[in-house]
Amino acid sequence: MKNLITIIAVLTITFTSAFATTTPETLISTTDVEVVTVGTSDIFTTADFDAATDNLNFTTNDNISVIQIFDAEGNLEFSLPVMSDNVKINKNLFGEGTYQLGFILEGQSQMHSTSVTVK
């Protein structure tokens, strides 16, 4: 009986963690850039790339306090105060490669991450 309870507990934990894992969602995909969520995407109302101005445009449900930009090795490149629910980041800020954008919303300590690939 004890073994049966242990097996059920292990299976329950395994299935719970499997279903709790978020699936990455592609927010932007063009010939120039690709932006994929690393965690949840429900903070964004819109996300697009304006090829005429080379801007990544993000609009969120709540004001963004800070955006942090990390290189492929996880080193902090920039920490930009925003204080708005709408932000434009020029593609020229990045070199070719993969970066992480960390969005910290006002009143929250959790960072919402996206992966940005500049082609």
C-alpha atoms as a PDB file:
ATOM      1  CA  MET A   1       0.000   0.000   0.000  1.00  0.00           C
ATOM      2  CA  LYS A   2       2.834   2.366   0.891  1.00  0.00           C
ATOM      3  CA  ASN A   3       4.487   1.718  -2.487  1.00  0.00           C
ATOM      4  CA  LEU A   4       1.218   2.346  -4.315  1.00  0.00           C
ATOM      5  CA  ILE A   5       0.805   5.739  -2.619  1.00  0.00           C
ATOM      6  CA  THR A   6       4.410   6.645  -3.470  1.00  0.00           C
ATOM      7  CA  ILE A   7       3.916   5.685  -7.134  1.00  0.00           C
ATOM      8  CA  ILE A   8       0.686   7.698  -7.352  1.00  0.00           C
ATOM      9  CA  ALA A   9       2.398  10.722  -5.769  1.00  0.00           C
ATOM     10  CA  VAL A  10       5.343  10.524  -8.196  1.00  0.00           C
ATOM     11  CA  LEU A  11       3.025  10.194 -11.206  1.00  0.00           C
ATOM     12  CA  THR A  12       0.897  13.114 -10.026  1.00  0.00           C
ATOM     13  CA  ILE A  13       3.943  15.364  -9.612  1.00  0.00           C
ATOM     14  CA  THR A  14       5.305  14.310 -13.019  1.00  0.00           C
ATOM     15  CA  PHE A  15       2.030  15.015 -14.839  1.00  0.00           C
ATOM     16  CA  THR A  16       1.506  18.296 -13.010  1.00  0.00           C
ATOM     17  CA  SER A  17       4.932  19.610 -13.976  1.00  0.00           C
ATOM     18  CA  ALA A  18       4.508  18.411 -17.565  1.00  0.00           C
ATOM     19  CA  PHE A  19       1.221  20.273 -17.986  1.00  0.00           C
ATOM     20  CA  ALA A  20       2.431  23.365 -16.125  1.00  0.00           C
ATOM     21  CA  THR A  21       5.294  23.921 -18.564  1.00  0.00           C
ATOM     22  CA  THR A  22       4.518  26.770 -20.947  1.00  0.00           C
ATOM     23  CA  THR A  23       4.930  26.330 -24.666  1.00  0.00           C
ATOM     24  CA  PRO A  24       6.972  29.065 -26.333  1.00  0.00           C
ATOM     25  CA  GLU A  25       4.862  31.314 -28.545  1.00  0.00           C
ATOM     26  CA  THR A  26       6.219  33.177 -31.563  1.00  0.00           C
ATOM     27  CA  LEU A  27       5.250  36.842 -31.216  1.00  0.00           C
ATOM     28  CA  ILE A  28       7.115  38.162 -34.284  1.00  0.00           C
ATOM     29  CA  SER A  29       8.589  36.282 -37.228  1.00  0.00           C
ATOM     30  CA  THR A  30      10.016  38.152 -40.219  1.00  0.00           C
ATOM     31  CA  THR A  31      13.040  37.836 -42.485  1.00  0.00           C
ATOM     32  CA  ASP A  32      14.836  40.322 -40.187  1.00  0.00           C
ATOM     33  CA  VAL A  33      13.901  39.248 -36.646  1.00  0.00           C
ATOM     34  CA  GLU A  34      12.119  36.590 -34.639  1.00  0.00           C
ATOM     35  CA  VAL A  35      10.726  37.104 -31.142  1.00  0.00           C
ATOM     36  CA  VAL A  36       9.615  34.080 -29.105  1.00  0.00           C
ATOM     37  CA  THR A  37       8.251  34.088 -25.556  1.00  0.00           C
ATOM     38  CA  VAL A  38      10.306  32.197 -23.007  1.00  0.00           C
ATOM     39  CA  GLY A  39       7.536  32.190 -20.408  1.00  0.00           C
ATOM     40  CA  THR A  40       4.056  33.606 -20.561  1.00  0.00           C
ATOM     41  CA  SER A  41       2.874  35.793 -23.434  1.00  0.00           C
ATOM     42  CA  ASP A  42      -0.287  37.094 -21.774  1.00  0.00           C
ATOM     43  CA  ILE A  43       1.400  40.373 -20.759  1.00  0.00           C
ATOM     44  CA  PHE A  44       1.497  41.513 -24.408  1.00  0.00           C
ATOM     45  CA  THR A  45      -1.472  43.048 -26.206  1.00  0.00           C
ATOM     46  CA  THR A  46       0.531  43.537 -29.425  1.00  0.00           C
ATOM     47  CA  ALA A  47       4.026  42.830 -30.674  1.00  0.00           C
ATOM     48  CA  ASP A  48       5.276  43.592 -34.168  1.00  0.00           C
ATOM     49  CA  PHE A  49       8.260  44.630 -36.256  1.00  0.00           C
ATOM     50  CA  ASP A  50       8.163  47.812 -38.363  1.00  0.00           C
ATOM     51  CA  ALA A  51      10.561  47.157 -41.256  1.00  0.00           C
ATOM     52  CA  ALA A  52      10.416  50.813 -42.375  1.00  0.00           C
ATOM     53  CA  THR A  53      11.896  52.038 -39.077  1.00  0.00           C
ATOM     54  CA  ASP A  54      13.581  48.767 -37.949  1.00  0.00           C
ATOM     55  CA  ASN A  55      11.669  48.983 -34.655  1.00  0.00           C
ATOM     56  CA  LEU A  56      10.427  46.149 -32.476  1.00  0.00           C
ATOM     57  CA  ASN A  57       7.115  47.417 -31.054  1.00  0.00           C
ATOM     58  CA  PHE A  58       5.653  45.983 -27.854  1.00  0.00           C
ATOM     59  CA  THR A  59       2.424  46.965 -26.113  1.00  0.00           C
ATOM     60  CA  THR A  60       1.591  45.413 -22.753  1.00  0.00           C
ATOM     61  CA  ASN A  61      -1.465  45.214 -20.509  1.00  0.00           C
ATOM     62  CA  ASP A  62       0.346  47.069 -17.705  1.00  0.00           C
ATOM     63  CA  ASN A  63       3.107  49.674 -17.669  1.00  0.00           C
ATOM     64  CA  ILE A  64       6.614  48.323 -18.186  1.00  0.00           C
ATOM     65  CA  SER A  65       8.931  49.480 -15.429  1.00  0.00           C
ATOM     66  CA  VAL A  66      12.227  48.233 -16.896  1.00  0.00           C
ATOM     67  CA  ILE A  67      13.427  46.283 -19.925  1.00  0.00           C
ATOM     68  CA  GLN A  68      16.665  44.375 -19.553  1.00  0.00           C
ATOM     69  CA  ILE A  69      18.586  43.182 -22.600  1.00  0.00           C
ATOM     70  CA  PHE A  70      20.902  40.182 -22.227  1.00  0.00           C
ATOM     71  CA  ASP A  71      23.352  38.781 -24.778  1.00  0.00           C
ATOM     72  CA  ALA A  72      23.493  35.090 -25.781  1.00  0.00           C
ATOM     73  CA  GLU A  73      25.716  34.280 -22.765  1.00  0.00           C
ATOM     74  CA  GLY A  74      23.268  35.897 -20.328  1.00  0.00           C
ATOM     75  CA  ASN A  75      25.341  39.038 -19.710  1.00  0.00           C
ATOM     76  CA  LEU A  76      23.314  42.200 -19.064  1.00  0.00           C
ATOM     77  CA  GLU A  77      23.873  44.588 -21.987  1.00  0.00           C
ATOM     78  CA  PHE A  78      21.285  47.275 -21.172  1.00  0.00           C
ATOM     79  CA  SER A  79      18.765  48.095 -18.480  1.00  0.00           C
ATOM     80  CA  LEU A  80      16.271  50.601 -19.835  1.00  0.00           C
ATOM     81  CA  PRO A  81      13.650  52.373 -17.674  1.00  0.00           C
ATOM     82  CA  VAL A  82      10.383  52.611 -19.619  1.00  0.00           C
ATOM     83  CA  MET A  83       7.383  53.603 -17.403  1.00  0.00           C
ATOM     84  CA  SER A  84       4.920  53.030 -20.254  1.00  0.00           C
ATOM     85  CA  ASP A  85       2.801  50.243 -21.702  1.00  0.00           C
ATOM     86  CA  ASN A  86       4.232  50.886 -25.171  1.00  0.00           C
ATOM     87  CA  VAL A  87       7.895  50.542 -26.120  1.00  0.00           C
ATOM     88  CA  LYS A  88       9.869  50.657 -29.359  1.00  0.00           C
ATOM     89  CA  ILE A  89      13.330  49.119 -29.554  1.00  0.00           C
ATOM     90  CA  ASN A  90      15.397  49.696 -32.670  1.00  0.00           C
ATOM     91  CA  LYS A  91      16.904  46.598 -34.257  1.00  0.00           C
ATOM     92  CA  ASN A  92      20.216  48.454 -34.647  1.00  0.00           C
ATOM     93  CA  LEU A  93      20.643  48.213 -30.869  1.00  0.00           C
ATOM     94  CA  PHE A  94      21.396  44.525 -31.448  1.00  0.00           C
ATOM     95  CA  GLY A  95      24.060  42.836 -33.509  1.00  0.00           C
ATOM     96  CA  GLU A  96      23.272  39.676 -35.414  1.00  0.00           C
ATOM     97  CA  GLY A  97      22.494  36.849 -33.000  1.00  0.00           C
ATOM     98  CA  THR A  98      20.183  35.858 -30.165  1.00  0.00           C
ATOM     99  CA  TYR A  99      19.292  38.048 -27.184  1.00  0.00           C
ATOM    100  CA  GLN A 100      16.916  37.887 -24.225  1.00  0.00           C
ATOM    101  CA  LEU A 101      14.559  40.755 -23.438  1.00  0.00           C
ATOM    102  CA  GLY A 102      13.346  40.847 -19.847  1.00  0.00           C
ATOM    103  CA  PHE A 103      10.189  42.869 -19.197  1.00  0.00           C
ATOM    104  CA  ILE A 104       9.543  43.882 -15.578  1.00  0.00           C
ATOM    105  CA  LEU A 105       6.087  45.353 -15.128  1.00  0.00           C
ATOM    106  CA  GLU A 106       5.246  48.071 -12.585  1.00  0.00           C
ATOM    107  CA  GLY A 107       4.445  46.627  -9.182  1.00  0.00           C
ATOM    108  CA  GLN A 108       5.915  43.216 -10.035  1.00  0.00           C
ATOM    109  CA  SER A 109       9.300  41.664  -9.375  1.00  0.00           C
ATOM    110  CA  GLN A 110       8.927  38.813 -11.875  1.00  0.00           C
ATOM    111  CA  MET A 111      10.739  39.240 -15.194  1.00  0.00           C
ATOM    112  CA  HIS A 112       8.827  38.150 -18.310  1.00  0.00           C
ATOM    113  CA  SER A 113      11.320  36.999 -20.936  1.00  0.00           C
ATOM    114  CA  THR A 114      11.402  36.836 -24.706  1.00  0.00           C
ATOM    115  CA  SER A 115      14.097  35.522 -26.996  1.00  0.00           C
ATOM    116  CA  VAL A 116      15.020  37.857 -29.856  1.00  0.00           C
ATOM    117  CA  THR A 117      16.930  36.540 -32.856  1.00  0.00           C
ATOM    118  CA  VAL A 118      18.331  39.160 -35.216  1.00  0.00           C
ATOM    119  CA  LYS A 119      19.063  37.708 -38.642  1.00  0.00           C
END
